[in-house]
mmCIF file of all heavy atoms, coordinates in Angstrom:
data_MODEL
# 
_entry.id   MODEL 
# 
loop_
_atom_site.group_PDB 
_atom_site.id 
_atom_site.type_symbol 
_atom_site.label_atom_id 
_atom_site.label_alt_id 
_atom_site.label_comp_id 
_atom_site.label_asym_id 
_atom_site.label_entity_id 
_atom_site.label_seq_id 
_atom_site.pdbx_PDB_ins_code 
_atom_site.Cartn_x 
_atom_site.Cartn_y 
_atom_site.Cartn_z 
_atom_site.occupancy 
_atom_site.B_iso_or_equiv 
_atom_site.pdbx_formal_charge 
_atom_site.auth_seq_id 
_atom_site.auth_comp_id 
_atom_site.auth_asym_id 
_atom_site.auth_atom_id 
_atom_site.pdbx_PDB_model_num 
ATOM 1   N N   . ASP A 1 1  ? 5.834   16.720  7.494   1.00 0.00 ? 1  ASP A N   1 
ATOM 2   C CA  . ASP A 1 1  ? 6.594   16.701  6.235   1.00 0.00 ? 1  ASP A CA  1 
ATOM 3   C C   . ASP A 1 1  ? 6.854   15.282  5.741   1.00 0.00 ? 1  ASP A C   1 
ATOM 4   O O   . ASP A 1 1  ? 7.953   14.946  5.260   1.00 0.00 ? 1  ASP A O   1 
ATOM 5   C CB  . ASP A 1 1  ? 7.946   17.430  6.409   1.00 0.00 ? 1  ASP A CB  1 
ATOM 6   C CG  . ASP A 1 1  ? 7.761   18.911  6.687   1.00 0.00 ? 1  ASP A CG  1 
ATOM 7   O OD1 . ASP A 1 1  ? 6.773   19.484  6.177   1.00 0.00 ? 1  ASP A OD1 1 
ATOM 8   O OD2 . ASP A 1 1  ? 8.568   19.476  7.444   1.00 0.00 ? 1  ASP A OD2 1 
ATOM 9   N N   . VAL A 1 2  ? 5.848   14.427  5.848   1.00 0.00 ? 2  VAL A N   1 
ATOM 10  C CA  . VAL A 1 2  ? 5.932   13.079  5.297   1.00 0.00 ? 2  VAL A CA  1 
ATOM 11  C C   . VAL A 1 2  ? 5.398   13.132  3.869   1.00 0.00 ? 2  VAL A C   1 
ATOM 12  O O   . VAL A 1 2  ? 4.350   13.737  3.606   1.00 0.00 ? 2  VAL A O   1 
ATOM 13  C CB  . VAL A 1 2  ? 5.119   12.066  6.134   1.00 0.00 ? 2  VAL A CB  1 
ATOM 14  C CG1 . VAL A 1 2  ? 5.200   10.669  5.521   1.00 0.00 ? 2  VAL A CG1 1 
ATOM 15  C CG2 . VAL A 1 2  ? 5.635   12.042  7.560   1.00 0.00 ? 2  VAL A CG2 1 
ATOM 16  N N   . ALA A 1 3  ? 6.094   12.504  2.959   1.00 0.00 ? 3  ALA A N   1 
ATOM 17  C CA  . ALA A 1 3  ? 5.742   12.585  1.537   1.00 0.00 ? 3  ALA A CA  1 
ATOM 18  C C   . ALA A 1 3  ? 4.394   11.929  1.270   1.00 0.00 ? 3  ALA A C   1 
ATOM 19  O O   . ALA A 1 3  ? 4.094   10.845  1.788   1.00 0.00 ? 3  ALA A O   1 
ATOM 20  C CB  . ALA A 1 3  ? 6.823   11.922  0.700   1.00 0.00 ? 3  ALA A CB  1 
ATOM 21  N N   . LEU A 1 4  ? 3.566   12.601  0.441   1.00 0.00 ? 4  LEU A N   1 
ATOM 22  C CA  . LEU A 1 4  ? 2.286   12.078  -0.027  1.00 0.00 ? 4  LEU A CA  1 
ATOM 23  C C   . LEU A 1 4  ? 2.430   11.730  -1.496  1.00 0.00 ? 4  LEU A C   1 
ATOM 24  O O   . LEU A 1 4  ? 2.934   12.531  -2.282  1.00 0.00 ? 4  LEU A O   1 
ATOM 25  C CB  . LEU A 1 4  ? 1.170   13.103  0.172   1.00 0.00 ? 4  LEU A CB  1 
ATOM 26  C CG  . LEU A 1 4  ? 0.788   13.428  1.624   1.00 0.00 ? 4  LEU A CG  1 
ATOM 27  C CD1 . LEU A 1 4  ? -0.121  14.647  1.665   1.00 0.00 ? 4  LEU A CD1 1 
ATOM 28  C CD2 . LEU A 1 4  ? 0.081   12.233  2.249   1.00 0.00 ? 4  LEU A CD2 1 
ATOM 29  N N   . PHE A 1 5  ? 1.971   10.545  -1.849  1.00 0.00 ? 5  PHE A N   1 
ATOM 30  C CA  . PHE A 1 5  ? 2.064   10.123  -3.240  1.00 0.00 ? 5  PHE A CA  1 
ATOM 31  C C   . PHE A 1 5  ? 0.721   9.558   -3.660  1.00 0.00 ? 5  PHE A C   1 
ATOM 32  O O   . PHE A 1 5  ? 0.204   8.622   -3.043  1.00 0.00 ? 5  PHE A O   1 
ATOM 33  C CB  . PHE A 1 5  ? 3.157   9.052   -3.413  1.00 0.00 ? 5  PHE A CB  1 
ATOM 34  C CG  . PHE A 1 5  ? 3.426   8.698   -4.839  1.00 0.00 ? 5  PHE A CG  1 
ATOM 35  C CD1 . PHE A 1 5  ? 4.347   9.418   -5.586  1.00 0.00 ? 5  PHE A CD1 1 
ATOM 36  C CD2 . PHE A 1 5  ? 2.744   7.657   -5.459  1.00 0.00 ? 5  PHE A CD2 1 
ATOM 37  C CE1 . PHE A 1 5  ? 4.600   9.103   -6.914  1.00 0.00 ? 5  PHE A CE1 1 
ATOM 38  C CE2 . PHE A 1 5  ? 2.991   7.332   -6.777  1.00 0.00 ? 5  PHE A CE2 1 
ATOM 39  C CZ  . PHE A 1 5  ? 3.922   8.065   -7.522  1.00 0.00 ? 5  PHE A CZ  1 
ATOM 40  N N   . SER A 1 6  ? 0.160   10.132  -4.719  1.00 0.00 ? 6  SER A N   1 
ATOM 41  C CA  . SER A 1 6  ? -1.150  9.721   -5.202  1.00 0.00 ? 6  SER A CA  1 
ATOM 42  C C   . SER A 1 6  ? -1.003  8.603   -6.230  1.00 0.00 ? 6  SER A C   1 
ATOM 43  O O   . SER A 1 6  ? -0.411  8.799   -7.299  1.00 0.00 ? 6  SER A O   1 
ATOM 44  C CB  . SER A 1 6  ? -1.880  10.917  -5.834  1.00 0.00 ? 6  SER A CB  1 
ATOM 45  O OG  . SER A 1 6  ? -3.129  10.494  -6.357  1.00 0.00 ? 6  SER A OG  1 
ATOM 46  N N   . ALA A 1 7  ? -1.549  7.423   -5.862  1.00 0.00 ? 7  ALA A N   1 
ATOM 47  C CA  . ALA A 1 7  ? -1.545  6.265   -6.769  1.00 0.00 ? 7  ALA A CA  1 
ATOM 48  C C   . ALA A 1 7  ? -2.769  5.440   -6.433  1.00 0.00 ? 7  ALA A C   1 
ATOM 49  O O   . ALA A 1 7  ? -2.690  4.480   -5.646  1.00 0.00 ? 7  ALA A O   1 
ATOM 50  C CB  . ALA A 1 7  ? -0.271  5.453   -6.620  1.00 0.00 ? 7  ALA A CB  1 
ATOM 51  N N   . PRO A 1 8  ? -3.938  5.810   -6.987  1.00 0.00 ? 8  PRO A N   1 
ATOM 52  C CA  . PRO A 1 8  ? -5.200  5.169   -6.598  1.00 0.00 ? 8  PRO A CA  1 
ATOM 53  C C   . PRO A 1 8  ? -5.195  3.651   -6.682  1.00 0.00 ? 8  PRO A C   1 
ATOM 54  O O   . PRO A 1 8  ? -5.579  2.984   -5.700  1.00 0.00 ? 8  PRO A O   1 
ATOM 55  C CB  . PRO A 1 8  ? -6.208  5.795   -7.560  1.00 0.00 ? 8  PRO A CB  1 
ATOM 56  C CG  . PRO A 1 8  ? -5.628  7.134   -7.877  1.00 0.00 ? 8  PRO A CG  1 
ATOM 57  C CD  . PRO A 1 8  ? -4.147  6.929   -7.913  1.00 0.00 ? 8  PRO A CD  1 
ATOM 58  N N   . PRO A 1 9  ? -4.778  3.028   -7.792  1.00 0.00 ? 9  PRO A N   1 
ATOM 59  C CA  . PRO A 1 9  ? -4.809  1.550   -7.811  1.00 0.00 ? 9  PRO A CA  1 
ATOM 60  C C   . PRO A 1 9  ? -3.923  0.916   -6.739  1.00 0.00 ? 9  PRO A C   1 
ATOM 61  O O   . PRO A 1 9  ? -4.300  -0.063  -6.093  1.00 0.00 ? 9  PRO A O   1 
ATOM 62  C CB  . PRO A 1 9  ? -4.313  1.203   -9.214  1.00 0.00 ? 9  PRO A CB  1 
ATOM 63  C CG  . PRO A 1 9  ? -4.568  2.430   -10.027 1.00 0.00 ? 9  PRO A CG  1 
ATOM 64  C CD  . PRO A 1 9  ? -4.344  3.575   -9.092  1.00 0.00 ? 9  PRO A CD  1 
ATOM 65  N N   . LEU A 1 10 ? -2.734  1.502   -6.547  1.00 0.00 ? 10 LEU A N   1 
ATOM 66  C CA  . LEU A 1 10 ? -1.815  0.965   -5.547  1.00 0.00 ? 10 LEU A CA  1 
ATOM 67  C C   . LEU A 1 10 ? -2.365  1.174   -4.139  1.00 0.00 ? 10 LEU A C   1 
ATOM 68  O O   . LEU A 1 10 ? -2.259  0.281   -3.283  1.00 0.00 ? 10 LEU A O   1 
ATOM 69  C CB  . LEU A 1 10 ? -0.444  1.627   -5.697  1.00 0.00 ? 10 LEU A CB  1 
ATOM 70  C CG  . LEU A 1 10 ? 0.637   1.162   -4.709  1.00 0.00 ? 10 LEU A CG  1 
ATOM 71  C CD1 . LEU A 1 10 ? 0.860   -0.339  -4.809  1.00 0.00 ? 10 LEU A CD1 1 
ATOM 72  C CD2 . LEU A 1 10 ? 1.941   1.927   -4.957  1.00 0.00 ? 10 LEU A CD2 1 
ATOM 73  N N   . ALA A 1 11 ? -2.944  2.321   -3.867  1.00 0.00 ? 11 ALA A N   1 
ATOM 74  C CA  . ALA A 1 11 ? -3.512  2.595   -2.542  1.00 0.00 ? 11 ALA A CA  1 
ATOM 75  C C   . ALA A 1 11 ? -4.636  1.620   -2.223  1.00 0.00 ? 11 ALA A C   1 
ATOM 76  O O   . ALA A 1 11 ? -4.720  1.086   -1.110  1.00 0.00 ? 11 ALA A O   1 
ATOM 77  C CB  . ALA A 1 11 ? -4.012  4.037   -2.479  1.00 0.00 ? 11 ALA A CB  1 
ATOM 78  N N   . ARG A 1 12 ? -5.529  1.400   -3.204  1.00 0.00 ? 12 ARG A N   1 
ATOM 79  C CA  . ARG A 1 12 ? -6.627  0.459   -2.971  1.00 0.00 ? 12 ARG A CA  1 
ATOM 80  C C   . ARG A 1 12 ? -6.112  -0.959  -2.753  1.00 0.00 ? 12 ARG A C   1 
ATOM 81  O O   . ARG A 1 12 ? -6.591  -1.699  -1.896  1.00 0.00 ? 12 ARG A O   1 
ATOM 82  C CB  . ARG A 1 12 ? -7.609  0.509   -4.139  1.00 0.00 ? 12 ARG A CB  1 
ATOM 83  C CG  . ARG A 1 12 ? -8.441  1.793   -4.203  1.00 0.00 ? 12 ARG A CG  1 
ATOM 84  C CD  . ARG A 1 12 ? -9.579  1.653   -5.210  1.00 0.00 ? 12 ARG A CD  1 
ATOM 85  N NE  . ARG A 1 12 ? -9.080  1.552   -6.578  1.00 0.00 ? 12 ARG A NE  1 
ATOM 86  C CZ  . ARG A 1 12 ? -8.971  2.572   -7.420  1.00 0.00 ? 12 ARG A CZ  1 
ATOM 87  N NH1 . ARG A 1 12 ? -9.311  3.797   -7.014  1.00 0.00 ? 12 ARG A NH1 1 
ATOM 88  N NH2 . ARG A 1 12 ? -8.536  2.413   -8.655  1.00 0.00 ? 12 ARG A NH2 1 
ATOM 89  N N   . SER A 1 13 ? -5.131  -1.363  -3.553  1.00 0.00 ? 13 SER A N   1 
ATOM 90  C CA  . SER A 1 13 ? -4.595  -2.715  -3.433  1.00 0.00 ? 13 SER A CA  1 
ATOM 91  C C   . SER A 1 13 ? -3.925  -2.930  -2.076  1.00 0.00 ? 13 SER A C   1 
ATOM 92  O O   . SER A 1 13 ? -4.096  -3.964  -1.432  1.00 0.00 ? 13 SER A O   1 
ATOM 93  C CB  . SER A 1 13 ? -3.602  -3.001  -4.555  1.00 0.00 ? 13 SER A CB  1 
ATOM 94  O OG  . SER A 1 13 ? -4.247  -2.910  -5.816  1.00 0.00 ? 13 SER A OG  1 
ATOM 95  N N   . LEU A 1 14 ? -3.147  -1.920  -1.624  1.00 0.00 ? 14 LEU A N   1 
ATOM 96  C CA  . LEU A 1 14 ? -2.496  -2.029  -0.320  1.00 0.00 ? 14 LEU A CA  1 
ATOM 97  C C   . LEU A 1 14 ? -3.526  -2.068  0.807   1.00 0.00 ? 14 LEU A C   1 
ATOM 98  O O   . LEU A 1 14 ? -3.411  -2.848  1.758   1.00 0.00 ? 14 LEU A O   1 
ATOM 99  C CB  . LEU A 1 14 ? -1.534  -0.860  -0.112  1.00 0.00 ? 14 LEU A CB  1 
ATOM 100 C CG  . LEU A 1 14 ? -0.251  -0.879  -0.946  1.00 0.00 ? 14 LEU A CG  1 
ATOM 101 C CD1 . LEU A 1 14 ? 0.476   0.451   -0.826  1.00 0.00 ? 14 LEU A CD1 1 
ATOM 102 C CD2 . LEU A 1 14 ? 0.657   -2.021  -0.488  1.00 0.00 ? 14 LEU A CD2 1 
ATOM 103 N N   . PHE A 1 15 ? -4.543  -1.245  0.720   1.00 0.00 ? 15 PHE A N   1 
ATOM 104 C CA  . PHE A 1 15 ? -5.549  -1.163  1.779   1.00 0.00 ? 15 PHE A CA  1 
ATOM 105 C C   . PHE A 1 15 ? -6.299  -2.476  1.933   1.00 0.00 ? 15 PHE A C   1 
ATOM 106 O O   . PHE A 1 15 ? -6.577  -2.925  3.052   1.00 0.00 ? 15 PHE A O   1 
ATOM 107 C CB  . PHE A 1 15 ? -6.531  -0.022  1.475   1.00 0.00 ? 15 PHE A CB  1 
ATOM 108 C CG  . PHE A 1 15 ? -7.578  0.159   2.533   1.00 0.00 ? 15 PHE A CG  1 
ATOM 109 C CD1 . PHE A 1 15 ? -7.320  0.899   3.680   1.00 0.00 ? 15 PHE A CD1 1 
ATOM 110 C CD2 . PHE A 1 15 ? -8.838  -0.417  2.393   1.00 0.00 ? 15 PHE A CD2 1 
ATOM 111 C CE1 . PHE A 1 15 ? -8.288  1.057   4.650   1.00 0.00 ? 15 PHE A CE1 1 
ATOM 112 C CE2 . PHE A 1 15 ? -9.808  -0.255  3.357   1.00 0.00 ? 15 PHE A CE2 1 
ATOM 113 C CZ  . PHE A 1 15 ? -9.539  0.487   4.492   1.00 0.00 ? 15 PHE A CZ  1 
ATOM 114 N N   . HIS A 1 16 ? -6.646  -3.101  0.829   1.00 0.00 ? 16 HIS A N   1 
ATOM 115 C CA  . HIS A 1 16 ? -7.476  -4.315  0.885   1.00 0.00 ? 16 HIS A CA  1 
ATOM 116 C C   . HIS A 1 16 ? -6.664  -5.608  1.061   1.00 0.00 ? 16 HIS A C   1 
ATOM 117 O O   . HIS A 1 16 ? -7.245  -6.649  1.356   1.00 0.00 ? 16 HIS A O   1 
ATOM 118 C CB  . HIS A 1 16 ? -8.313  -4.419  -0.393  1.00 0.00 ? 16 HIS A CB  1 
ATOM 119 C CG  . HIS A 1 16 ? -9.395  -3.386  -0.480  1.00 0.00 ? 16 HIS A CG  1 
ATOM 120 N ND1 . HIS A 1 16 ? -10.395 -3.258  0.458   1.00 0.00 ? 16 HIS A ND1 1 
ATOM 121 C CD2 . HIS A 1 16 ? -9.618  -2.412  -1.417  1.00 0.00 ? 16 HIS A CD2 1 
ATOM 122 C CE1 . HIS A 1 16 ? -11.197 -2.266  0.113   1.00 0.00 ? 16 HIS A CE1 1 
ATOM 123 N NE2 . HIS A 1 16 ? -10.751 -1.727  -1.014  1.00 0.00 ? 16 HIS A NE2 1 
ATOM 124 N N   . SER A 1 17 ? -5.347  -5.547  0.887   1.00 0.00 ? 17 SER A N   1 
ATOM 125 C CA  . SER A 1 17 ? -4.561  -6.790  0.945   1.00 0.00 ? 17 SER A CA  1 
ATOM 126 C C   . SER A 1 17 ? -3.665  -6.883  2.167   1.00 0.00 ? 17 SER A C   1 
ATOM 127 O O   . SER A 1 17 ? -3.090  -7.940  2.425   1.00 0.00 ? 17 SER A O   1 
ATOM 128 C CB  . SER A 1 17 ? -3.697  -6.916  -0.312  1.00 0.00 ? 17 SER A CB  1 
ATOM 129 O OG  . SER A 1 17 ? -2.756  -5.849  -0.375  1.00 0.00 ? 17 SER A OG  1 
ATOM 130 N N   . THR A 1 18 ? -3.525  -5.803  2.916   1.00 0.00 ? 18 THR A N   1 
ATOM 131 C CA  . THR A 1 18 ? -2.612  -5.836  4.067   1.00 0.00 ? 18 THR A CA  1 
ATOM 132 C C   . THR A 1 18 ? -3.301  -5.246  5.291   1.00 0.00 ? 18 THR A C   1 
ATOM 133 O O   . THR A 1 18 ? -4.278  -4.505  5.197   1.00 0.00 ? 18 THR A O   1 
ATOM 134 C CB  . THR A 1 18 ? -1.330  -5.035  3.779   1.00 0.00 ? 18 THR A CB  1 
ATOM 135 O OG1 . THR A 1 18 ? -1.692  -3.689  3.443   1.00 0.00 ? 18 THR A OG1 1 
ATOM 136 C CG2 . THR A 1 18 ? -0.540  -5.660  2.663   1.00 0.00 ? 18 THR A CG2 1 
ATOM 137 N N   . LYS A 1 19 ? -2.730  -5.600  6.436   1.00 0.00 ? 19 LYS A N   1 
ATOM 138 C CA  . LYS A 1 19 ? -3.159  -5.031  7.714   1.00 0.00 ? 19 LYS A CA  1 
ATOM 139 C C   . LYS A 1 19 ? -1.987  -4.310  8.352   1.00 0.00 ? 19 LYS A C   1 
ATOM 140 O O   . LYS A 1 19 ? -0.840  -4.486  7.951   1.00 0.00 ? 19 LYS A O   1 
ATOM 141 C CB  . LYS A 1 19 ? -3.675  -6.133  8.653   1.00 0.00 ? 19 LYS A CB  1 
ATOM 142 C CG  . LYS A 1 19 ? -4.929  -6.826  8.157   1.00 0.00 ? 19 LYS A CG  1 
ATOM 143 C CD  . LYS A 1 19 ? -5.382  -7.883  9.153   1.00 0.00 ? 19 LYS A CD  1 
ATOM 144 C CE  . LYS A 1 19 ? -6.645  -8.580  8.663   1.00 0.00 ? 19 LYS A CE  1 
ATOM 145 N NZ  . LYS A 1 19 ? -7.124  -9.618  9.607   1.00 0.00 ? 19 LYS A NZ  1 
ATOM 146 N N   . ILE A 1 20 ? -2.302  -3.541  9.365   1.00 0.00 ? 20 ILE A N   1 
ATOM 147 C CA  . ILE A 1 20 ? -1.256  -2.776  10.039  1.00 0.00 ? 20 ILE A CA  1 
ATOM 148 C C   . ILE A 1 20 ? -0.239  -3.727  10.657  1.00 0.00 ? 20 ILE A C   1 
ATOM 149 O O   . ILE A 1 20 ? -0.598  -4.689  11.328  1.00 0.00 ? 20 ILE A O   1 
ATOM 150 C CB  . ILE A 1 20 ? -1.866  -1.864  11.115  1.00 0.00 ? 20 ILE A CB  1 
ATOM 151 C CG1 . ILE A 1 20 ? -2.809  -0.851  10.454  1.00 0.00 ? 20 ILE A CG1 1 
ATOM 152 C CG2 . ILE A 1 20 ? -0.781  -1.136  11.898  1.00 0.00 ? 20 ILE A CG2 1 
ATOM 153 C CD1 . ILE A 1 20 ? -3.575  0.003   11.433  1.00 0.00 ? 20 ILE A CD1 1 
ATOM 154 N N   . GLY A 1 21 ? 1.037   -3.461  10.415  1.00 0.00 ? 21 GLY A N   1 
ATOM 155 C CA  . GLY A 1 21 ? 2.098   -4.307  10.943  1.00 0.00 ? 21 GLY A CA  1 
ATOM 156 C C   . GLY A 1 21 ? 2.530   -5.388  9.985   1.00 0.00 ? 21 GLY A C   1 
ATOM 157 O O   . GLY A 1 21 ? 3.545   -6.057  10.229  1.00 0.00 ? 21 GLY A O   1 
ATOM 158 N N   . GLN A 1 22 ? 1.829   -5.576  8.866   1.00 0.00 ? 22 GLN A N   1 
ATOM 159 C CA  . GLN A 1 22 ? 2.183   -6.595  7.889   1.00 0.00 ? 22 GLN A CA  1 
ATOM 160 C C   . GLN A 1 22 ? 3.073   -6.015  6.792   1.00 0.00 ? 22 GLN A C   1 
ATOM 161 O O   . GLN A 1 22 ? 3.018   -4.824  6.486   1.00 0.00 ? 22 GLN A O   1 
ATOM 162 C CB  . GLN A 1 22 ? 0.934   -7.194  7.247   1.00 0.00 ? 22 GLN A CB  1 
ATOM 163 C CG  . GLN A 1 22 ? 0.115   -8.067  8.177   1.00 0.00 ? 22 GLN A CG  1 
ATOM 164 C CD  . GLN A 1 22 ? -1.058  -8.681  7.445   1.00 0.00 ? 22 GLN A CD  1 
ATOM 165 O OE1 . GLN A 1 22 ? -1.436  -8.247  6.354   1.00 0.00 ? 22 GLN A OE1 1 
ATOM 166 N NE2 . GLN A 1 22 ? -1.653  -9.702  8.050   1.00 0.00 ? 22 GLN A NE2 1 
ATOM 167 N N   . GLN A 1 23 ? 3.878   -6.881  6.203   1.00 0.00 ? 23 GLN A N   1 
ATOM 168 C CA  . GLN A 1 23 ? 4.656   -6.488  5.045   1.00 0.00 ? 23 GLN A CA  1 
ATOM 169 C C   . GLN A 1 23 ? 3.783   -6.559  3.796   1.00 0.00 ? 23 GLN A C   1 
ATOM 170 O O   . GLN A 1 23 ? 2.821   -7.316  3.744   1.00 0.00 ? 23 GLN A O   1 
ATOM 171 C CB  . GLN A 1 23 ? 5.875   -7.398  4.893   1.00 0.00 ? 23 GLN A CB  1 
ATOM 172 C CG  . GLN A 1 23 ? 6.866   -7.283  6.043   1.00 0.00 ? 23 GLN A CG  1 
ATOM 173 C CD  . GLN A 1 23 ? 8.080   -8.156  5.849   1.00 0.00 ? 23 GLN A CD  1 
ATOM 174 O OE1 . GLN A 1 23 ? 8.173   -8.907  4.880   1.00 0.00 ? 23 GLN A OE1 1 
ATOM 175 N NE2 . GLN A 1 23 ? 9.047   -8.058  6.763   1.00 0.00 ? 23 GLN A NE2 1 
ATOM 176 N N   . ILE A 1 24 ? 4.129   -5.773  2.808   1.00 0.00 ? 24 ILE A N   1 
ATOM 177 C CA  . ILE A 1 24 ? 3.324   -5.713  1.593   1.00 0.00 ? 24 ILE A CA  1 
ATOM 178 C C   . ILE A 1 24 ? 3.437   -7.033  0.841   1.00 0.00 ? 24 ILE A C   1 
ATOM 179 O O   . ILE A 1 24 ? 4.443   -7.746  0.967   1.00 0.00 ? 24 ILE A O   1 
ATOM 180 C CB  . ILE A 1 24 ? 3.763   -4.539  0.689   1.00 0.00 ? 24 ILE A CB  1 
ATOM 181 C CG1 . ILE A 1 24 ? 5.196   -4.764  0.191   1.00 0.00 ? 24 ILE A CG1 1 
ATOM 182 C CG2 . ILE A 1 24 ? 3.647   -3.228  1.439   1.00 0.00 ? 24 ILE A CG2 1 
ATOM 183 C CD1 . ILE A 1 24 ? 5.655   -3.740  -0.836  1.00 0.00 ? 24 ILE A CD1 1 
ATOM 184 N N   . PRO A 1 25 ? 2.442   -7.405  0.035   1.00 0.00 ? 25 PRO A N   1 
ATOM 185 C CA  . PRO A 1 25 ? 2.512   -8.640  -0.752  1.00 0.00 ? 25 PRO A CA  1 
ATOM 186 C C   . PRO A 1 25 ? 3.645   -8.583  -1.771  1.00 0.00 ? 25 PRO A C   1 
ATOM 187 O O   . PRO A 1 25 ? 4.038   -7.510  -2.244  1.00 0.00 ? 25 PRO A O   1 
ATOM 188 C CB  . PRO A 1 25 ? 1.143   -8.709  -1.431  1.00 0.00 ? 25 PRO A CB  1 
ATOM 189 C CG  . PRO A 1 25 ? 0.261   -7.809  -0.646  1.00 0.00 ? 25 PRO A CG  1 
ATOM 190 C CD  . PRO A 1 25 ? 1.132   -6.740  -0.098  1.00 0.00 ? 25 PRO A CD  1 
ATOM 191 N N   . ALA A 1 26 ? 4.160   -9.758  -2.112  1.00 0.00 ? 26 ALA A N   1 
ATOM 192 C CA  . ALA A 1 26 ? 5.278   -9.822  -3.059  1.00 0.00 ? 26 ALA A CA  1 
ATOM 193 C C   . ALA A 1 26 ? 4.905   -9.246  -4.417  1.00 0.00 ? 26 ALA A C   1 
ATOM 194 O O   . ALA A 1 26 ? 5.745   -8.670  -5.121  1.00 0.00 ? 26 ALA A O   1 
ATOM 195 C CB  . ALA A 1 26 ? 5.738   -11.276 -3.212  1.00 0.00 ? 26 ALA A CB  1 
ATOM 196 N N   . GLY A 1 27 ? 3.620   -9.361  -4.800  1.00 0.00 ? 27 GLY A N   1 
ATOM 197 C CA  . GLY A 1 27 ? 3.208   -8.848  -6.099  1.00 0.00 ? 27 GLY A CA  1 
ATOM 198 C C   . GLY A 1 27 ? 3.226   -7.344  -6.199  1.00 0.00 ? 27 GLY A C   1 
ATOM 199 O O   . GLY A 1 27 ? 3.140   -6.789  -7.309  1.00 0.00 ? 27 GLY A O   1 
ATOM 200 N N   . LEU A 1 28 ? 3.334   -6.645  -5.060  1.00 0.00 ? 28 LEU A N   1 
ATOM 201 C CA  . LEU A 1 28 ? 3.359   -5.175  -5.068  1.00 0.00 ? 28 LEU A CA  1 
ATOM 202 C C   . LEU A 1 28 ? 4.757   -4.626  -4.833  1.00 0.00 ? 28 LEU A C   1 
ATOM 203 O O   . LEU A 1 28 ? 4.923   -3.414  -4.676  1.00 0.00 ? 28 LEU A O   1 
ATOM 204 C CB  . LEU A 1 28 ? 2.401   -4.636  -3.993  1.00 0.00 ? 28 LEU A CB  1 
ATOM 205 C CG  . LEU A 1 28 ? 0.930   -5.014  -4.165  1.00 0.00 ? 28 LEU A CG  1 
ATOM 206 C CD1 . LEU A 1 28 ? 0.097   -4.454  -3.019  1.00 0.00 ? 28 LEU A CD1 1 
ATOM 207 C CD2 . LEU A 1 28 ? 0.387   -4.507  -5.500  1.00 0.00 ? 28 LEU A CD2 1 
ATOM 208 N N   . TYR A 1 29 ? 5.759   -5.512  -4.782  1.00 0.00 ? 29 TYR A N   1 
ATOM 209 C CA  . TYR A 1 29 ? 7.125   -5.046  -4.531  1.00 0.00 ? 29 TYR A CA  1 
ATOM 210 C C   . TYR A 1 29 ? 7.573   -4.013  -5.576  1.00 0.00 ? 29 TYR A C   1 
ATOM 211 O O   . TYR A 1 29 ? 8.107   -2.955  -5.241  1.00 0.00 ? 29 TYR A O   1 
ATOM 212 C CB  . TYR A 1 29 ? 8.103   -6.231  -4.558  1.00 0.00 ? 29 TYR A CB  1 
ATOM 213 C CG  . TYR A 1 29 ? 8.102   -7.069  -3.303  1.00 0.00 ? 29 TYR A CG  1 
ATOM 214 C CD1 . TYR A 1 29 ? 8.945   -8.176  -3.202  1.00 0.00 ? 29 TYR A CD1 1 
ATOM 215 C CD2 . TYR A 1 29 ? 7.283   -6.759  -2.220  1.00 0.00 ? 29 TYR A CD2 1 
ATOM 216 C CE1 . TYR A 1 29 ? 8.971   -8.962  -2.057  1.00 0.00 ? 29 TYR A CE1 1 
ATOM 217 C CE2 . TYR A 1 29 ? 7.296   -7.535  -1.071  1.00 0.00 ? 29 TYR A CE2 1 
ATOM 218 C CZ  . TYR A 1 29 ? 8.132   -8.640  -0.999  1.00 0.00 ? 29 TYR A CZ  1 
ATOM 219 O OH  . TYR A 1 29 ? 8.145   -9.410  0.129   1.00 0.00 ? 29 TYR A OH  1 
# 
C-alpha cells in the first residue's frame, strides 16, 4: 500500500540524476 504517482518527466529526471541513498537535486525540490 505504498502510493504510486505517475509523473514521467519527474521520474526520468530523478532516475538519471540521483543514485540510491542520495538526496534529490535542489532543482527538483
